[in-house]
């Protein structure tokens, strides 16, 4: 029958293709089997080309394509799983070993930093912490606060009525009611003003500050988006902003170059961004109290990082940690100011 003959022809074609494919350099599992490097032509003597470093056997399969994609994103060959635990618990050893030349074992500082930036903004946007809905989230929180305040006042008024019925003094309750009503009035005022409330800006303020305030009053959601976009695009600025502050901690100490401080800063910033990711996930999962405990982690991590990377004593590491925490707030403030200025341009 014609249908059967067509099927036989297709089957024959498939078998012939399979028979011919290995002779063109590709085996059945989709990997090539070449004697010379397919990239530069050098004769192969091992799993990698001695001249250009390319793998000796490359793939031509869809499975291999997706394996490359996953490896490119997460480096599942082992580096990421060696780097992250050390970054979390032994950051000083990680920094010192990377500076000393152990580069192939760990994810490079800049690669880890770029991945951390991407992950941080992705998680914060997915959890609603960032984005154009920020004003709506704040307004919703204000409404909840107003309702809670109203509920507190209602309970106090019920308590006052009960005391009056019993002939007891209500002076203390009246004072509490007055205080709660004052707080409620302030919340209502803030909620009514929202994000479009007029903010007085001195004429002597910098031009970018006046521009930011003016645009925020006109279109707060657009300003939030632009500042966030600028912060993500120019996140690399955090590194050159932070390195001079770290150098100030070791102005006269020999043996440490600017490169060493840059590696330290980049790994440290990567950890802090991973910490923000953890906090965002905890808040999204309904555990804000646990997320608040992460606030105490950065100083501890900075202490361990300084002590291990620069081989410091306890007192020296502690003193420098106090200074580094202060410098971190200054650097963060400069970065936010730069992102805001870029965002309103």
Protein backbone atom coordinates (compact mmCIF):
# COMPACT_ATOMS: atom_id res chain seq x y z
CA UNK A 1 0.00 0.00 0.00
CA UNK A 2 1.24 3.56 -0.65
CA UNK A 3 1.04 4.47 3.05
CA UNK A 4 3.19 1.50 4.06
CA UNK A 5 5.71 2.24 1.33
CA UNK A 6 5.92 5.87 2.49
CA UNK A 7 6.53 4.73 6.05
CA UNK A 8 9.25 2.34 4.87
CA UNK A 9 10.89 5.16 2.93
CA UNK A 10 10.84 7.41 6.01
CA UNK A 11 12.31 4.64 8.17
CA UNK A 12 15.00 3.99 5.60
CA UNK A 13 15.84 7.69 5.47
CA UNK A 14 16.15 7.89 9.24
CA UNK A 15 18.46 4.88 9.36
CA UNK A 16 20.60 6.25 6.56
CA UNK A 17 20.85 9.59 8.31
CA UNK A 18 21.89 7.84 11.49
CA UNK A 19 24.48 5.86 9.61
CA UNK A 20 25.90 8.91 7.88
CA UNK A 21 25.89 11.25 10.88
CA UNK A 22 28.78 9.61 12.79
CA UNK A 23 31.00 9.86 9.72
CA UNK A 24 30.43 13.63 9.79
CA UNK A 25 31.87 13.83 13.29
CA UNK A 26 28.82 13.37 15.54
CA UNK A 27 28.04 10.24 17.56
CA UNK A 28 24.61 8.98 18.54
CA UNK A 29 24.36 10.96 21.78
CA UNK A 30 24.76 14.26 19.93
CA UNK A 31 28.44 14.86 20.84
CA UNK A 32 31.15 15.31 18.23
CA UNK A 33 34.11 12.96 18.01
CA UNK A 34 36.94 14.90 16.41
CA UNK A 35 40.71 14.53 16.36
CA UNK A 36 41.27 18.28 16.02
CA UNK A 37 39.70 21.19 17.88
CA UNK A 38 36.64 22.45 16.03
CA UNK A 39 37.41 26.00 17.13
CA UNK A 40 41.09 26.51 16.24
CA UNK A 41 42.14 23.26 14.55
CA UNK A 42 44.78 22.27 17.13
CA UNK A 43 45.23 18.50 17.57
CA UNK A 44 43.40 17.32 20.67
CA UNK A 45 45.34 15.58 23.43
CA UNK A 46 42.78 15.71 26.25
CA UNK A 47 39.24 16.75 27.19
CA UNK A 48 40.08 20.40 26.40
CA UNK A 49 42.02 22.09 23.62
CA UNK A 50 45.51 23.03 24.77
CA UNK A 51 45.50 26.17 22.61
CA UNK A 52 42.09 27.80 23.07
CA UNK A 53 40.55 25.88 25.98
CA UNK A 54 37.42 24.72 24.19
CA UNK A 55 36.00 21.31 25.09
CA UNK A 56 37.27 18.54 22.88
CA UNK A 57 33.81 17.11 22.27
CA UNK A 58 31.02 19.61 21.71
CA UNK A 59 27.36 18.71 21.39
CA UNK A 60 24.76 19.11 18.69
CA UNK A 61 21.70 18.08 20.67
CA UNK A 62 18.79 19.99 22.19
CA UNK A 63 19.52 18.43 25.56
CA UNK A 64 23.09 19.68 25.43
CA UNK A 65 21.87 23.15 24.46
CA UNK A 66 19.74 23.43 27.59
CA UNK A 67 22.55 21.99 29.71
CA UNK A 68 24.78 24.81 28.46
CA UNK A 69 22.08 27.34 29.29
CA UNK A 70 21.71 26.08 32.86
CA UNK A 71 25.47 25.86 33.33
CA UNK A 72 25.89 29.37 32.00
CA UNK A 73 23.30 30.75 34.43
CA UNK A 74 24.12 28.78 37.56
CA UNK A 75 27.50 27.17 36.89
CA UNK A 76 26.28 23.78 38.12
CA UNK A 77 29.66 22.21 37.39
CA UNK A 78 30.54 22.78 41.06
CA UNK A 79 31.84 26.32 41.40
CA UNK A 80 28.62 27.82 42.74
CA UNK A 81 28.25 25.10 45.39
CA UNK A 82 31.81 25.68 46.59
CA UNK A 83 31.48 29.46 46.50
CA UNK A 84 28.16 30.15 48.24
CA UNK A 85 28.80 28.19 51.47
CA UNK A 86 32.22 29.84 51.83
CA UNK A 87 30.75 33.26 51.07
CA UNK A 88 28.17 32.78 53.81
CA UNK A 89 30.35 31.28 56.55
CA UNK A 90 34.01 31.74 55.61
CA UNK A 91 34.07 34.86 53.41
CA UNK A 92 37.59 35.77 54.49
CA UNK A 93 38.99 32.43 53.35
CA UNK A 94 37.14 32.73 50.04
CA UNK A 95 38.52 36.22 49.36
CA UNK A 96 42.05 35.33 50.42
CA UNK A 97 42.15 32.15 48.36
CA UNK A 98 40.75 33.86 45.28
CA UNK A 99 43.31 36.66 45.55
CA UNK A 100 46.07 34.07 46.02
CA UNK A 101 45.21 32.53 42.65
CA UNK A 102 42.56 29.84 43.21
CA UNK A 103 40.38 31.18 40.41
CA UNK A 104 39.10 27.98 38.77
CA UNK A 105 37.58 26.63 42.00
CA UNK A 106 35.26 29.56 42.72
CA UNK A 107 32.82 31.82 40.93
CA UNK A 108 34.55 35.10 40.15
CA UNK A 109 33.50 38.09 42.28
CA UNK A 110 32.07 40.07 39.36
CA UNK A 111 30.13 37.10 37.96
CA UNK A 112 28.61 36.40 41.38
CA UNK A 113 27.85 40.10 41.86
CA UNK A 114 26.02 40.43 38.53
CA UNK A 115 24.02 37.29 39.26
CA UNK A 116 23.16 38.58 42.75
CA UNK A 117 21.97 41.91 41.34
CA UNK A 118 19.75 40.15 38.81
CA UNK A 119 18.36 37.79 41.43
CA UNK A 120 17.74 40.57 43.96
CA UNK A 121 15.73 42.78 41.63
CA UNK A 122 13.83 39.79 40.24
CA UNK A 123 12.81 38.56 43.70
CA UNK A 124 11.94 42.01 45.04
CA UNK A 125 9.78 42.72 42.01
CA UNK A 126 8.04 39.35 42.20
CA UNK A 127 7.31 39.79 45.90
CA UNK A 128 5.96 43.31 45.36
CA UNK A 129 8.66 45.07 47.36
CA UNK A 130 9.70 47.11 44.34
CA UNK A 131 7.90 48.29 41.25
CA UNK A 132 5.23 50.73 40.22
CA UNK A 133 2.80 49.32 42.80
CA UNK A 134 4.90 50.63 45.70
CA UNK A 135 2.65 53.67 46.34
CA UNK A 136 -0.39 51.37 46.33
CA UNK A 137 1.27 49.04 48.82
CA UNK A 138 2.08 51.94 51.15
CA UNK A 139 -1.46 53.30 50.85
CA UNK A 140 -2.86 49.86 51.67
CA UNK A 141 -0.62 49.65 54.74
CA UNK A 142 -1.82 53.09 55.86
CA UNK A 143 -5.44 51.95 55.56
CA UNK A 144 -4.67 48.92 57.71
CA UNK A 145 -2.97 51.15 60.29
CA UNK A 146 -6.02 53.46 60.36
CA UNK A 147 -8.35 50.51 60.92
CA UNK A 148 -6.16 49.17 63.72
CA UNK A 149 -6.10 52.60 65.36
CA UNK A 150 -9.88 52.90 65.12
CA UNK A 151 -10.27 49.46 66.66
CA UNK A 152 -7.99 50.45 69.57
CA UNK A 153 -10.02 53.60 70.22
CA UNK A 154 -13.28 51.60 70.16
CA UNK A 155 -11.90 49.18 72.77
CA UNK A 156 -10.80 52.07 74.98
CA UNK A 157 -14.23 53.69 74.74
CA UNK A 158 -15.85 50.40 75.74
CA UNK A 159 -13.47 50.22 78.70
CA UNK A 160 -14.34 53.82 79.63
CA UNK A 161 -18.08 53.04 79.55
CA UNK A 162 -17.59 50.03 81.79
CA UNK A 163 -15.61 52.07 84.32
CA UNK A 164 -18.24 54.80 84.35
CA UNK A 165 -20.91 52.21 85.01
CA UNK A 166 -18.86 50.88 87.93
CA UNK A 167 -18.25 54.36 89.30
CA UNK A 168 -14.47 54.17 88.74
CA UNK A 169 -12.21 56.99 87.58
CA UNK A 170 -11.80 57.34 83.81
CA UNK A 171 -9.09 59.99 83.74
CA UNK A 172 -6.34 57.59 82.67
CA UNK A 173 -8.53 56.10 79.95
CA UNK A 174 -9.44 59.55 78.68
CA UNK A 175 -5.76 60.41 78.33
CA UNK A 176 -5.12 57.24 76.34
CA UNK A 177 -8.15 57.89 74.12
CA UNK A 178 -6.95 61.44 73.44
CA UNK A 179 -3.48 60.16 72.55
CA UNK A 180 -4.84 57.47 70.24
CA UNK A 181 -7.16 59.94 68.50
CA UNK A 182 -4.22 62.29 67.95
CA UNK A 183 -2.27 59.45 66.31
CA UNK A 184 -5.31 58.55 64.22
CA UNK A 185 -5.60 62.13 63.00
CA UNK A 186 -1.97 62.07 61.87
CA UNK A 187 -2.46 58.78 60.01
CA UNK A 188 -5.56 60.12 58.29
CA UNK A 189 -3.68 63.23 57.26
CA UNK A 190 -0.84 61.21 55.76
CA UNK A 191 -3.26 58.85 53.98
CA UNK A 192 -5.26 61.69 52.47
CA UNK A 193 -2.09 63.39 51.29
CA UNK A 194 -0.66 60.16 49.89
CA UNK A 195 2.30 60.46 47.57
CA UNK A 196 1.04 63.62 45.91
CA UNK A 197 1.30 65.75 49.04
CA UNK A 198 3.23 68.94 48.54
CA UNK A 199 6.72 68.91 49.96
CA UNK A 200 8.39 72.19 50.63
CA UNK A 201 11.76 72.36 48.93
CA UNK A 202 14.18 75.15 49.68
CA UNK A 203 15.36 77.14 46.66
CA UNK A 204 18.91 76.51 47.84
CA UNK A 205 18.47 72.75 47.45
CA UNK A 206 20.34 71.09 44.55
CA UNK A 207 18.58 71.20 41.19
CA UNK A 208 18.28 67.41 40.99
CA UNK A 209 16.57 67.33 44.40
CA UNK A 210 14.00 69.91 43.27
CA UNK A 211 13.47 68.01 40.02
CA UNK A 212 13.02 64.70 41.86
CA UNK A 213 10.48 66.15 44.30
CA UNK A 214 8.57 67.86 41.49
CA UNK A 215 8.36 64.70 39.36
CA UNK A 216 7.48 62.57 42.38
CA UNK A 217 4.54 64.85 43.14
CA UNK A 218 3.33 64.70 39.53
CA UNK A 219 3.80 61.00 38.82
CA UNK A 220 5.14 58.99 41.77
CA UNK A 221 4.79 55.59 40.07
CA UNK A 222 6.92 56.68 37.11
CA UNK A 223 9.63 58.06 39.41
CA UNK A 224 9.71 54.79 41.40
CA UNK A 225 10.12 52.85 38.16
CA UNK A 226 12.85 55.14 36.79
CA UNK A 227 14.87 55.12 40.01
CA UNK A 228 14.61 51.34 40.23
CA UNK A 229 15.65 51.00 36.59
CA UNK A 230 18.65 53.29 37.15
CA UNK A 231 19.64 51.38 40.29
CA UNK A 232 19.63 48.06 38.43
CA UNK A 233 21.50 49.38 35.37
CA UNK A 234 24.15 51.23 37.35
CA UNK A 235 24.48 48.75 40.22
CA UNK A 236 28.15 48.33 39.27
CA UNK A 237 28.72 51.85 40.65
CA UNK A 238 28.51 50.42 44.16
CA UNK A 239 31.91 48.80 43.66
CA UNK A 240 33.99 51.92 42.81
CA UNK A 241 32.03 53.89 45.40
CA UNK A 242 32.85 51.37 48.15
CA UNK A 243 36.49 50.53 47.38
CA UNK A 244 37.96 53.89 48.55
CA UNK A 245 36.20 53.52 51.91
CA UNK A 246 37.76 50.09 52.40
CA UNK A 247 41.18 51.46 51.42
CA UNK A 248 40.83 54.02 54.22
CA UNK A 249 40.79 51.13 56.70
CA UNK A 250 44.29 50.03 55.60
CA UNK A 251 46.08 53.22 54.47
CA UNK A 252 49.52 52.25 55.74
CA UNK A 253 49.32 48.49 55.61
CA UNK A 254 51.58 46.93 53.00
CA UNK A 255 50.79 43.81 51.02
CA UNK A 256 47.24 44.78 50.08
CA UNK A 257 46.58 46.26 46.68
CA UNK A 258 43.51 47.98 45.27
CA UNK A 259 42.70 44.73 43.50
CA UNK A 260 42.47 42.93 46.85
CA UNK A 261 40.07 45.55 48.21
CA UNK A 262 37.96 45.30 45.04
CA UNK A 263 37.63 41.53 45.38
CA UNK A 264 36.66 41.97 49.05
CA UNK A 265 34.05 44.62 48.26
CA UNK A 266 32.53 42.68 45.37
CA UNK A 267 32.15 39.46 47.34
CA UNK A 268 30.78 41.40 50.33
CA UNK A 269 28.19 43.22 48.20
CA UNK A 270 27.17 39.92 46.62
CA UNK A 271 26.48 38.46 50.05
CA UNK A 272 24.46 41.51 51.11
CA UNK A 273 22.30 41.22 48.01
CA UNK A 274 21.75 37.53 48.68
CA UNK A 275 20.69 38.55 52.17
CA UNK A 276 18.15 40.99 50.70
CA UNK A 277 16.85 38.15 48.53
CA UNK A 278 16.43 35.97 51.63
CA UNK A 279 14.60 38.77 53.42
CA UNK A 280 12.26 39.34 50.49
CA UNK A 281 11.41 35.65 50.31
CA UNK A 282 10.77 35.49 54.06
CA UNK A 283 8.45 38.51 53.91
CA UNK A 284 6.63 37.03 50.92
CA UNK A 285 6.20 33.73 52.76
CA UNK A 286 4.60 35.47 55.75
CA UNK A 287 7.58 35.51 58.10
CA UNK A 288 8.49 39.21 58.48
CA UNK A 289 9.70 38.67 62.05
CA UNK A 290 12.35 36.25 60.81
CA UNK A 291 13.27 38.68 58.03
CA UNK A 292 13.84 41.43 60.59
CA UNK A 293 16.47 39.26 62.30
CA UNK A 294 18.58 39.43 59.14
CA UNK A 295 19.30 43.06 60.04
CA UNK A 296 21.90 41.80 62.54
CA UNK A 297 23.73 39.60 60.01
CA UNK A 298 25.73 42.21 58.01
CA UNK A 299 27.94 43.42 60.90
CA UNK A 300 28.75 39.83 61.86
CA UNK A 301 29.55 38.92 58.27
CA UNK A 302 31.71 42.04 57.84
CA UNK A 303 33.66 41.14 60.99
CA UNK A 304 34.32 37.57 59.84
CA UNK A 305 35.15 38.78 56.34
CA UNK A 306 37.67 41.39 57.50
CA UNK A 307 39.24 39.11 60.08
CA UNK A 308 39.74 36.25 57.61
CA UNK A 309 40.65 38.17 54.47
CA UNK A 310 43.19 40.50 56.08
CA UNK A 311 44.36 38.15 58.86
CA UNK A 312 43.41 40.60 61.63
CA UNK A 313 43.24 40.17 65.36
CA UNK A 314 39.88 40.32 67.12
CA UNK A 315 40.17 43.90 68.36
CA UNK A 316 41.55 45.18 65.05
CA UNK A 317 38.79 43.42 63.10
CA UNK A 318 36.11 44.71 65.49
CA UNK A 319 37.30 48.33 65.24
CA UNK A 320 37.44 48.16 61.47
CA UNK A 321 34.00 46.53 61.36
CA UNK A 322 32.48 49.50 63.19
CA UNK A 323 34.10 51.85 60.67
CA UNK A 324 33.08 49.66 57.73
CA UNK A 325 29.42 49.60 58.80
CA UNK A 326 29.48 53.41 58.91
CA UNK A 327 31.16 53.56 55.51
CA UNK A 328 28.56 51.14 54.11
CA UNK A 329 25.71 53.50 55.03
CA UNK A 330 27.57 56.41 53.43
CA UNK A 331 28.26 54.41 50.25
CA UNK A 332 24.65 53.26 50.06
CA UNK A 333 23.45 56.84 50.48
CA UNK A 334 25.73 58.04 47.68
CA UNK A 335 24.51 55.26 45.40
CA UNK A 336 20.83 55.97 46.11
CA UNK A 337 21.41 59.66 45.47
CA UNK A 338 23.15 58.85 42.18
CA UNK A 339 20.35 56.49 41.11
CA UNK A 340 17.72 59.11 41.99
CA UNK A 341 19.59 61.81 40.07
CA UNK A 342 19.94 59.54 37.01
CA UNK A 343 16.30 58.48 37.29
CA UNK A 344 14.92 62.02 37.03
CA UNK A 345 17.08 63.00 34.05
